[in-house]
Amino acid sequence: MRNTHLTSPATSLAAILAVLVALTGCTKQSHQQTAHPQDKFFDHLASLCGQSFAGKLISNDEVDADFAAKKMVMEVRTCSDTVIRIPFHVDDDHSRTWVISKTGNGLRLKHDHRHEDGSEDVLTQYGGDTGEQGTENKQAFPADDFSKQLFTREEIPVSIDNIWMVKIVPGQSYTYGLARPNRDFRVEFDLTTKVAPPPAPWGQ
């Protein structure tokens, strides 16, 4: 007697494929839900690679007053799986680049400062590592030991307490800030409108 409950090989294969597709979807969803905030933050930055945006001063410290009238542009210039380089152009000064990288313990922010001939400034490669996981939109970088030693050697001990902050609201804004006692510096860039890329940063 013929068994009507048996399925054809094609039907079985289709059923197996359907299950695999469903499992793949679940795996992706699970990864998205469990992705570390710092990985998401890094991905937000990487999504801007090759783009440039205009910025403005949004803090009120008098020492930074001259920045208010300057043209500021950030350029997410190069990106890899572990390093993103973001030159910060101020008028015709192309000496500054923010370097955000992944470490084994979190994220690191460094400031690469160059002279016009490409040589390093005496104040360069300072920054710090994240001490907390932060959020996918905001990360803080307290000054590391290298930076504290540099600031002490260059007789600017006030900078030892520096904490740098980077905040990104995808599709809206990118903010870079520096905070310490009696100091607040913040510039904000408009991510809703791209601008023409500036000249190459010095030394790159």
Protein backbone atom coordinates (compact mmCIF):
# COMPACT_ATOMS: atom_id res chain seq x y z
CA MET A 1 0.00 0.00 0.00
CA ARG A 2 1.39 3.47 -0.90
CA ASN A 3 2.42 5.72 2.00
CA THR A 4 0.91 9.15 1.28
CA HIS A 5 2.82 10.78 4.18
CA LEU A 6 6.24 10.49 2.51
CA THR A 7 7.65 13.72 1.06
CA SER A 8 9.74 14.09 -2.07
CA PRO A 9 13.47 14.91 -1.86
CA ALA A 10 12.76 18.34 -3.35
CA THR A 11 10.18 19.08 -0.66
CA SER A 12 12.57 17.97 2.09
CA LEU A 13 15.35 20.15 0.68
CA ALA A 14 13.05 23.15 0.55
CA ALA A 15 12.06 22.59 4.16
CA ILE A 16 15.70 22.37 5.26
CA LEU A 17 16.57 25.58 3.40
CA ALA A 18 13.65 27.36 5.01
CA VAL A 19 14.88 26.34 8.45
CA LEU A 20 18.44 27.48 7.66
CA VAL A 21 17.21 30.87 6.45
CA ALA A 22 15.16 31.28 9.61
CA LEU A 23 18.12 30.37 11.79
CA THR A 24 20.38 32.80 9.93
CA GLY A 25 17.89 35.58 10.52
CA CYS A 26 17.75 34.75 14.20
CA THR A 27 21.54 34.77 14.42
CA LYS A 28 21.77 38.20 12.78
CA GLN A 29 19.06 39.58 15.04
CA SER A 30 20.80 38.14 18.09
CA HIS A 31 24.12 39.72 17.02
CA GLN A 32 22.47 43.10 16.54
CA GLN A 33 20.91 42.91 19.98
CA THR A 34 24.14 41.89 21.72
CA ALA A 35 26.68 44.00 19.78
CA HIS A 36 28.91 45.96 22.14
CA PRO A 37 28.15 49.71 22.33
CA GLN A 38 31.74 50.54 21.33
CA ASP A 39 31.46 48.38 18.22
CA LYS A 40 28.27 50.18 17.26
CA PHE A 41 29.94 53.54 17.94
CA PHE A 42 32.88 52.59 15.71
CA ASP A 43 30.50 51.41 12.98
CA HIS A 44 28.61 54.72 13.12
CA LEU A 45 31.88 56.55 12.46
CA ALA A 46 32.96 54.13 9.73
CA SER A 47 29.68 54.70 7.89
CA LEU A 48 30.86 58.29 7.28
CA CYS A 49 34.11 57.27 5.61
CA GLY A 50 35.01 59.40 2.61
CA GLN A 51 32.69 62.22 3.65
CA SER A 52 33.31 65.74 4.98
CA PHE A 53 31.10 67.98 7.12
CA ALA A 54 31.15 71.60 8.29
CA GLY A 55 31.22 72.43 11.98
CA LYS A 56 30.97 75.26 14.46
CA LEU A 57 32.01 76.10 18.00
CA ILE A 58 29.20 75.40 20.50
CA SER A 59 31.03 76.03 23.80
CA ASN A 60 31.48 79.44 25.43
CA ASP A 61 34.97 79.55 26.98
CA GLU A 62 36.52 82.93 26.19
CA VAL A 63 39.87 81.32 25.41
CA ASP A 64 38.26 79.72 22.33
CA ALA A 65 36.46 82.84 21.11
CA ASP A 66 38.56 83.11 17.94
CA PHE A 67 37.31 79.67 16.84
CA ALA A 68 33.78 81.05 16.43
CA ALA A 69 34.69 82.93 13.24
CA LYS A 70 36.79 80.17 11.69
CA LYS A 71 35.76 77.68 9.03
CA MET A 72 35.86 74.18 10.48
CA VAL A 73 35.57 70.93 8.55
CA MET A 74 35.92 67.33 9.70
CA GLU A 75 36.84 64.69 7.14
CA VAL A 76 36.42 60.97 7.81
CA ARG A 77 39.37 60.31 5.57
CA THR A 78 40.47 56.69 6.02
CA CYS A 79 38.88 53.68 7.68
CA SER A 80 39.97 50.13 8.38
CA ASP A 81 38.50 47.44 10.59
CA THR A 82 40.44 48.87 13.55
CA VAL A 83 41.45 52.47 12.80
CA ILE A 84 39.57 55.58 11.64
CA ARG A 85 41.43 58.81 10.84
CA ILE A 86 39.46 62.06 10.99
CA PRO A 87 41.36 65.24 10.01
CA PHE A 88 40.03 68.39 11.68
CA HIS A 89 40.61 71.38 9.39
CA VAL A 90 40.45 74.93 10.78
CA ASP A 91 40.64 77.56 8.02
CA ASP A 92 43.98 76.87 6.30
CA ASP A 93 45.38 74.93 9.25
CA HIS A 94 45.49 71.26 8.30
CA SER A 95 47.66 70.12 11.20
CA ARG A 96 45.14 68.13 13.26
CA THR A 97 43.89 64.57 12.88
CA TRP A 98 41.79 62.61 15.34
CA VAL A 99 42.66 58.91 15.30
CA ILE A 100 40.12 56.52 16.80
CA SER A 101 41.16 52.89 17.04
CA LYS A 102 40.05 49.63 18.57
CA THR A 103 42.18 48.08 21.31
CA GLY A 104 41.87 44.79 23.12
CA ASN A 105 40.03 46.57 25.92
CA GLY A 106 37.96 49.25 24.19
CA LEU A 107 38.57 52.34 22.06
CA ARG A 108 41.46 54.81 21.91
CA LEU A 109 41.54 58.43 20.80
CA LYS A 110 44.84 60.02 19.75
CA HIS A 111 45.63 63.47 18.37
CA ASP A 112 48.10 63.46 15.48
CA HIS A 113 49.51 66.98 15.13
CA ARG A 114 51.82 67.85 12.24
CA HIS A 115 53.68 70.83 10.86
CA GLU A 116 53.15 71.89 7.27
CA ASP A 117 56.27 69.99 6.20
CA GLY A 118 54.75 66.80 7.62
CA SER A 119 56.98 66.56 10.68
CA GLU A 120 55.39 65.88 14.06
CA ASP A 121 54.62 68.70 16.45
CA VAL A 122 56.13 68.43 19.92
CA LEU A 123 52.58 68.06 21.22
CA THR A 124 51.29 65.04 19.34
CA GLN A 125 49.95 61.53 19.89
CA TYR A 126 48.27 62.53 23.13
CA GLY A 127 44.87 61.16 24.06
CA GLY A 128 43.50 58.25 26.02
CA ASP A 129 41.57 55.00 26.21
CA THR A 130 37.97 54.45 27.19
CA GLY A 131 37.59 53.46 30.83
CA GLU A 132 33.92 52.50 30.53
CA GLN A 133 31.88 50.95 27.74
CA GLY A 134 29.99 54.18 27.07
CA THR A 135 27.14 54.07 24.57
CA GLU A 136 26.83 53.57 20.84
CA ASN A 137 26.49 57.36 20.55
CA LYS A 138 29.05 58.70 23.05
CA GLN A 139 32.53 57.72 24.25
CA ALA A 140 34.87 59.39 26.74
CA PHE A 141 38.67 59.22 26.70
CA PRO A 142 40.56 60.28 29.88
CA ALA A 143 44.19 61.29 29.39
CA ASP A 144 46.52 58.28 29.45
CA ASP A 145 49.95 58.02 31.09
CA PHE A 146 51.81 58.95 27.90
CA SER A 147 49.76 62.15 27.64
CA LYS A 148 50.23 63.05 31.30
CA GLN A 149 53.99 62.65 30.98
CA LEU A 150 53.97 64.72 27.78
CA PHE A 151 51.95 67.52 29.40
CA THR A 152 54.22 67.50 32.44
CA ARG A 153 57.37 67.65 30.30
CA GLU A 154 55.95 70.52 28.21
CA GLU A 155 54.92 72.37 31.37
CA ILE A 156 51.17 72.29 30.81
CA PRO A 157 50.13 70.24 33.86
CA VAL A 158 46.61 71.65 33.70
CA SER A 159 45.99 69.28 30.78
CA ILE A 160 46.70 66.19 32.88
CA ASP A 161 43.02 66.11 33.87
CA ASN A 162 41.82 66.24 30.24
CA ILE A 163 38.87 64.09 29.26
CA TRP A 164 38.02 64.06 25.57
CA MET A 165 34.55 63.18 24.36
CA VAL A 166 33.23 62.14 20.97
CA LYS A 167 29.49 61.99 20.37
CA ILE A 168 27.72 60.93 17.19
CA VAL A 169 24.02 61.03 16.41
CA PRO A 170 23.77 59.18 13.07
CA GLY A 171 22.37 61.34 10.31
CA GLN A 172 22.39 64.41 12.56
CA SER A 173 25.60 65.48 14.28
CA TYR A 174 29.15 64.68 15.36
CA THR A 175 30.57 66.44 18.42
CA TYR A 176 34.14 66.58 19.68
CA GLY A 177 34.79 67.94 23.14
CA LEU A 178 37.47 68.51 25.75
CA ALA A 179 36.63 68.89 29.42
CA ARG A 180 38.61 69.43 32.61
CA PRO A 181 38.11 71.65 35.66
CA ASN A 182 37.29 75.17 34.46
CA ARG A 183 37.57 74.11 30.80
CA ASP A 184 34.94 73.29 28.21
CA PHE A 185 35.64 73.08 24.48
CA ARG A 186 33.11 71.61 22.03
CA VAL A 187 32.70 71.72 18.27
CA GLU A 188 29.71 70.23 16.49
CA PHE A 189 29.47 69.12 12.87
CA ASP A 190 26.31 68.90 10.79
CA LEU A 191 25.98 65.40 9.35
CA THR A 192 22.88 66.26 7.35
CA THR A 193 24.88 68.06 4.65
CA LYS A 194 28.13 66.94 3.02
CA VAL A 195 30.72 69.52 2.00
CA ALA A 196 33.59 69.42 -0.47
CA PRO A 197 36.63 67.58 0.88
CA PRO A 198 39.39 69.92 2.10
CA PRO A 199 43.07 69.63 1.12
CA ALA A 200 45.00 66.65 2.44
CA PRO A 201 46.05 67.01 6.06
CA TRP A 202 49.69 67.86 6.60
CA GLY A 203 51.93 64.81 6.58
CA GLN A 204 49.36 62.53 4.91
